[in-house]
C-alpha atoms as a PDB file:
ATOM      1  CA  MET A   1     210.173 125.349 194.715  1.00  0.00           C
ATOM      2  CA  THR A   2     213.707 126.950 193.999  1.00  0.00           C
ATOM      3  CA  LYS A   3     214.858 127.020 190.473  1.00  0.00           C
ATOM      4  CA  ARG A   4     217.703 124.242 189.400  1.00  0.00           C
ATOM      5  CA  LYS A   5     220.471 126.639 188.135  1.00  0.00           C
ATOM      6  CA  ASN A   6     223.668 125.256 186.264  1.00  0.00           C
ATOM      7  CA  LEU A   7     227.544 126.158 185.939  1.00  0.00           C
ATOM      8  CA  TRP A   8     228.696 125.342 182.725  1.00  0.00           C
ATOM      9  CA  ALA A   9     232.219 123.949 182.502  1.00  0.00           C
ATOM     10  CA  PRO A  10     232.665 122.816 179.418  1.00  0.00           C
ATOM     11  CA  TRP A  11     236.954 122.703 180.290  1.00  0.00           C
ATOM     12  CA  ARG A  12     235.811 119.395 182.499  1.00  0.00           C
ATOM     13  CA  ILE A  13     235.000 116.960 179.548  1.00  0.00           C
ATOM     14  CA  GLY A  14     238.611 116.411 179.330  1.00  0.00           C
ATOM     15  CA  TYR A  15     238.411 114.845 182.431  1.00  0.00           C
ATOM     16  CA  VAL A  16     235.256 113.145 182.676  1.00  0.00           C
ATOM     17  CA  GLN A  17     235.896 111.142 179.058  1.00  0.00           C
ATOM     18  CA  GLY A  18     239.761 110.619 180.664  1.00  0.00           C
ATOM     19  CA  LEU A  19     238.301 108.825 183.423  1.00  0.00           C
ATOM     20  CA  ALA A  20     237.572 105.891 181.151  1.00  0.00           C
ATOM     21  CA  ASP A  21     240.860 106.000 179.225  1.00  0.00           C
ATOM     22  CA  LYS A  22     243.193 104.471 181.455  1.00  0.00           C
ATOM     23  CA  SER A  23     245.858 103.285 178.755  1.00  0.00           C
ATOM     24  CA  GLU A  24     248.596 105.851 178.971  1.00  0.00           C
ATOM     25  CA  CYS A  25     249.458 107.088 182.177  1.00  0.00           C
ATOM     26  CA  PHE A  26     250.165 110.808 182.115  1.00  0.00           C
ATOM     27  CA  LEU A  27     252.616 111.141 184.490  1.00  0.00           C
ATOM     28  CA  CYS A  28     254.471 108.440 182.092  1.00  0.00           C
ATOM     29  CA  LYS A  29     253.710 110.496 179.369  1.00  0.00           C
ATOM     30  CA  GLY A  30     254.787 113.915 180.543  1.00  0.00           C
ATOM     31  CA  ALA A  31     257.697 112.118 181.822  1.00  0.00           C
ATOM     32  CA  CYS A  32     259.399 110.802 178.852  1.00  0.00           C
ATOM     33  CA  LYS A  33     258.760 113.482 176.293  1.00  0.00           C
ATOM     34  CA  PRO A  34     260.638 116.926 177.604  1.00  0.00           C
ATOM     35  CA  GLU A  35     259.866 118.432 174.514  1.00  0.00           C
ATOM     36  CA  ASP A  36     256.583 118.896 175.237  1.00  0.00           C
ATOM     37  CA  ASP A  37     257.068 119.752 179.053  1.00  0.00           C
ATOM     38  CA  ASP A  38     254.480 123.088 178.213  1.00  0.00           C
ATOM     39  CA  ASN A  39     251.817 120.963 176.816  1.00  0.00           C
ATOM     40  CA  ASN A  40     252.169 118.437 179.573  1.00  0.00           C
ATOM     41  CA  LEU A  41     252.036 120.996 182.471  1.00  0.00           C
ATOM     42  CA  VAL A  42     255.486 120.410 183.108  1.00  0.00           C
ATOM     43  CA  LEU A  43     256.982 122.820 185.677  1.00  0.00           C
ATOM     44  CA  TRP A  44     260.178 121.101 186.896  1.00  0.00           C
ATOM     45  CA  ARG A  45     262.227 117.971 186.175  1.00  0.00           C
ATOM     46  CA  THR A  46     264.669 116.951 188.713  1.00  0.00           C
ATOM     47  CA  ARG A  47     267.112 113.254 188.589  1.00  0.00           C
ATOM     48  CA  TYR A  48     264.455 111.435 190.127  1.00  0.00           C
ATOM     49  CA  CYS A  49     260.894 113.207 189.865  1.00  0.00           C
ATOM     50  CA  ILE A  50     258.922 115.379 187.557  1.00  0.00           C
ATOM     51  CA  ILE A  51     256.460 118.540 188.954  1.00  0.00           C
ATOM     52  CA  VAL A  52     253.359 119.134 186.823  1.00  0.00           C
ATOM     53  CA  LEU A  53     250.052 121.259 187.269  1.00  0.00           C
ATOM     54  CA  ASN A  54     247.082 119.662 187.982  1.00  0.00           C
ATOM     55  CA  ARG A  55     244.870 119.716 184.951  1.00  0.00           C
ATOM     56  CA  PHE A  56     242.141 119.254 187.127  1.00  0.00           C
ATOM     57  CA  PRO A  57     243.182 121.111 190.305  1.00  0.00           C
ATOM     58  CA  TYR A  58     241.537 121.861 193.288  1.00  0.00           C
ATOM     59  CA  ASN A  59     242.738 124.897 193.497  1.00  0.00           C
ATOM     60  CA  ASN A  60     244.585 127.319 191.460  1.00  0.00           C
ATOM     61  CA  GLY A  61     248.478 126.069 191.909  1.00  0.00           C
ATOM     62  CA  HIS A  62     247.605 122.380 192.868  1.00  0.00           C
ATOM     63  CA  LEU A  63     250.683 120.827 191.653  1.00  0.00           C
ATOM     64  CA  LEU A  64     251.935 117.024 191.453  1.00  0.00           C
ATOM     65  CA  ILE A  65     255.216 116.207 192.579  1.00  0.00           C
ATOM     66  CA  ALA A  66     256.041 111.952 191.375  1.00  0.00           C
ATOM     67  CA  PRO A  67     258.905 110.111 190.299  1.00  0.00           C
ATOM     68  CA  LEU A  68     259.421 109.468 187.119  1.00  0.00           C
ATOM     69  CA  LYS A  69     259.601 105.337 187.991  1.00  0.00           C
ATOM     70  CA  HIS A  70     255.947 104.409 187.385  1.00  0.00           C
ATOM     71  CA  ILE A  71     255.550 103.083 190.956  1.00  0.00           C
ATOM     72  CA  SER A  72     252.408 102.618 192.879  1.00  0.00           C
ATOM     73  CA  ASP A  73     253.531 102.682 196.315  1.00  0.00           C
ATOM     74  CA  LEU A  74     256.006 104.618 198.843  1.00  0.00           C
ATOM     75  CA  SER A  75     257.370 101.095 199.751  1.00  0.00           C
ATOM     76  CA  GLU A  76     258.607 100.884 195.772  1.00  0.00           C
ATOM     77  CA  ALA A  77     260.409 104.053 195.642  1.00  0.00           C
ATOM     78  CA  ASN A  78     264.250 104.246 196.965  1.00  0.00           C
ATOM     79  CA  ASP A  79     265.453 106.497 199.824  1.00  0.00           C
ATOM     80  CA  ASP A  80     266.947 108.488 196.956  1.00  0.00           C
ATOM     81  CA  GLU A  81     263.918 109.342 194.986  1.00  0.00           C
ATOM     82  CA  LEU A  82     262.215 109.442 198.558  1.00  0.00           C
ATOM     83  CA  LEU A  83     264.756 112.519 199.893  1.00  0.00           C
ATOM     84  CA  GLU A  84     263.871 114.482 196.755  1.00  0.00           C
ATOM     85  CA  MET A  85     260.099 114.130 196.622  1.00  0.00           C
ATOM     86  CA  THR A  86     260.444 115.528 200.196  1.00  0.00           C
ATOM     87  CA  LYS A  87     262.997 118.247 199.176  1.00  0.00           C
ATOM     88  CA  LEU A  88     260.274 118.749 196.072  1.00  0.00           C
ATOM     89  CA  ILE A  89     257.800 119.447 198.961  1.00  0.00           C
ATOM     90  CA  ARG A  90     260.151 121.974 200.172  1.00  0.00           C
ATOM     91  CA  ASP A  91     260.725 123.561 197.191  1.00  0.00           C
ATOM     92  CA  THR A  92     257.297 123.887 195.650  1.00  0.00           C
ATOM     93  CA  GLN A  93     256.138 125.086 198.619  1.00  0.00           C
ATOM     94  CA  LYS A  94     258.884 128.214 198.348  1.00  0.00           C
ATOM     95  CA  LEU A  95     257.495 129.031 194.819  1.00  0.00           C
ATOM     96  CA  LEU A  96     254.232 128.924 195.361  1.00  0.00           C
ATOM     97  CA  CYS A  97     255.255 131.462 198.355  1.00  0.00           C
ATOM     98  CA  LEU A  98     256.901 133.667 195.909  1.00  0.00           C
ATOM     99  CA  ALA A  99     254.822 133.530 192.914  1.00  0.00           C
ATOM    100  CA  ILE A 100     250.884 133.385 194.100  1.00  0.00           C
ATOM    101  CA  LYS A 101     251.435 133.871 198.094  1.00  0.00           C
ATOM    102  CA  PRO A 102     249.010 131.346 199.364  1.00  0.00           C
ATOM    103  CA  ASN A 103     247.840 131.407 203.293  1.00  0.00           C
ATOM    104  CA  GLY A 104     248.406 127.716 203.698  1.00  0.00           C
ATOM    105  CA  PHE A 105     249.137 124.445 202.130  1.00  0.00           C
ATOM    106  CA  ASN A 106     247.496 120.514 201.638  1.00  0.00           C
ATOM    107  CA  ILE A 107     249.883 118.265 201.342  1.00  0.00           C
ATOM    108  CA  GLY A 108     249.331 114.830 200.807  1.00  0.00           C
ATOM    109  CA  ILE A 109     249.314 111.240 199.190  1.00  0.00           C
ATOM    110  CA  ASN A 110     246.408 109.146 198.558  1.00  0.00           C
ATOM    111  CA  LEU A 111     247.459 105.784 198.498  1.00  0.00           C
ATOM    112  CA  GLY A 112     245.014 102.969 196.182  1.00  0.00           C
ATOM    113  CA  LYS A 113     241.337 104.043 194.921  1.00  0.00           C
ATOM    114  CA  CYS A 114     240.062 103.038 198.329  1.00  0.00           C
ATOM    115  CA  ALA A 115     241.963 106.276 199.452  1.00  0.00           C
ATOM    116  CA  GLY A 116     240.982 108.317 196.673  1.00  0.00           C
ATOM    117  CA  ALA A 117     243.935 108.243 194.262  1.00  0.00           C
ATOM    118  CA  GLY A 118     242.506 109.093 191.012  1.00  0.00           C
ATOM    119  CA  LEU A 119     245.607 107.274 189.102  1.00  0.00           C
ATOM    120  CA  PRO A 120     246.405 104.960 191.925  1.00  0.00           C
ATOM    121  CA  GLU A 121     249.284 103.071 189.577  1.00  0.00           C
ATOM    122  CA  HIS A 122     251.820 106.084 189.538  1.00  0.00           C
ATOM    123  CA  LEU A 123     253.037 107.291 193.118  1.00  0.00           C
ATOM    124  CA  HIS A 124     252.191 111.172 193.573  1.00  0.00           C
ATOM    125  CA  ILE A 125     252.330 113.880 196.414  1.00  0.00           C
ATOM    126  CA  HIS A 126     249.960 116.591 195.648  1.00  0.00           C
ATOM    127  CA  VAL A 127     250.807 120.311 197.131  1.00  0.00           C
ATOM    128  CA  VAL A 128     247.958 122.546 197.059  1.00  0.00           C
ATOM    129  CA  PRO A 129     247.924 126.164 197.849  1.00  0.00           C
ATOM    130  CA  ARG A 130     245.336 127.466 200.182  1.00  0.00           C
ATOM    131  CA  TRP A 131     243.490 131.049 201.159  1.00  0.00           C
ATOM    132  CA  ASN A 132     241.816 131.886 203.968  1.00  0.00           C
ATOM    133  CA  GLY A 133     238.532 131.873 203.247  1.00  0.00           C
ATOM    134  CA  ASP A 134     239.034 129.738 199.794  1.00  0.00           C
ATOM    135  CA  THR A 135     236.206 127.285 200.180  1.00  0.00           C
ATOM    136  CA  ASN A 136     233.258 129.216 199.855  1.00  0.00           C
ATOM    137  CA  PHE A 137     229.566 128.460 199.066  1.00  0.00           C
ATOM    138  CA  VAL A 138     230.113 127.352 195.437  1.00  0.00           C
ATOM    139  CA  ARG A 139     232.081 124.910 196.945  1.00  0.00           C
ATOM    140  CA  VAL A 140     230.478 123.889 200.181  1.00  0.00           C
ATOM    141  CA  CYS A 141     226.892 123.886 198.398  1.00  0.00           C
ATOM    142  CA  SER A 142     227.759 122.844 194.482  1.00  0.00           C
ATOM    143  CA  ASP A 143     230.205 120.542 194.770  1.00  0.00           C
ATOM    144  CA  THR A 144     231.877 123.005 192.436  1.00  0.00           C
ATOM    145  CA  TYR A 145     236.042 124.498 192.611  1.00  0.00           C
ATOM    146  CA  LEU A 146     236.495 128.025 191.273  1.00  0.00           C
ATOM    147  CA  ILE A 147     240.281 128.259 189.565  1.00  0.00           C
ATOM    148  CA  SER A 148     240.966 131.367 189.158  1.00  0.00           C
ATOM    149  CA  GLN A 149     243.960 131.670 186.879  1.00  0.00           C
ATOM    150  CA  SER A 150     244.612 129.664 183.431  1.00  0.00           C
ATOM    151  CA  LEU A 151     247.024 126.837 184.087  1.00  0.00           C
ATOM    152  CA  THR A 152     249.251 128.231 181.242  1.00  0.00           C
ATOM    153  CA  GLU A 153     248.996 131.402 182.624  1.00  0.00           C
ATOM    154  CA  LEU A 154     249.822 130.124 185.813  1.00  0.00           C
ATOM    155  CA  LEU A 155     253.094 127.477 184.524  1.00  0.00           C
ATOM    156  CA  ASP A 156     254.496 131.171 182.965  1.00  0.00           C
ATOM    157  CA  ALA A 157     254.146 132.708 185.930  1.00  0.00           C
ATOM    158  CA  LEU A 158     255.668 129.727 188.198  1.00  0.00           C
ATOM    159  CA  LYS A 159     258.480 129.381 185.765  1.00  0.00           C
ATOM    160  CA  GLN A 160     259.016 133.320 185.883  1.00  0.00           C
ATOM    161  CA  ALA A 161     259.263 132.642 189.589  1.00  0.00           C
ATOM    162  CA  SER A 162     261.350 129.844 189.459  1.00  0.00           C
ATOM    163  CA  LYS A 163     264.150 131.494 188.575  1.00  0.00           C
ATOM    164  CA  LYS A 164     264.245 134.020 191.550  1.00  0.00           C
ATOM    165  CA  LEU A 165     264.781 130.956 193.603  1.00  0.00           C
ATOM    166  CA  ASN A 166     268.499 129.841 194.665  1.00  0.00           C
ATOM    167  CA  LEU A 167     267.237 126.145 194.030  1.00  0.00           C
ATOM    168  CA  PRO A 168     269.526 123.928 192.390  1.00  0.00           C
ATOM    169  CA  ASP A 169     268.828 123.392 188.326  1.00  0.00           C
ATOM    170  CA  LEU A 170     265.167 121.837 188.618  1.00  0.00           C
ATOM    171  CA  THR A 171     265.189 121.806 184.586  1.00  0.00           C
ATOM    172  CA  GLN A 172     266.627 118.812 183.860  1.00  0.00           C
ATOM    173  CA  LYS A 173     265.804 117.463 180.656  1.00  0.00           C
END
């Protein structure tokens, strides 16, 4: 008989407890308080969007691109918002390549709870860096993600790398 092993992940309690508290949209909370950007893990702000680090990432560097407007579906976004979100996919990919050098990306949108949306009320795009071999035995066998860097350290690294890119000012506040 195999002895069961535990992987302690005390940082996950915030996520588990937050599942029940849906009183405030974390994307709107982050969008409304530019003075709290570091605490809310906000990387960039643009005219129509906010880019934040996923607080409960699938992989190191997992970013969320969301319109500032609280909408749940692409059909509710205007052309300017859609264009900006698309450009931000490109720009975040460039940034992540410079800062953490992934081998590839998963980029996607989950529309609706049945499609896997953890926050179906606020449209957002996932940009998830991937590396050869990052789906290892821990993920496959125990449904556990290994994240190799703290979120605050990553946010600082991405801000530093942002300064090296020749992008329009993405820090509008």
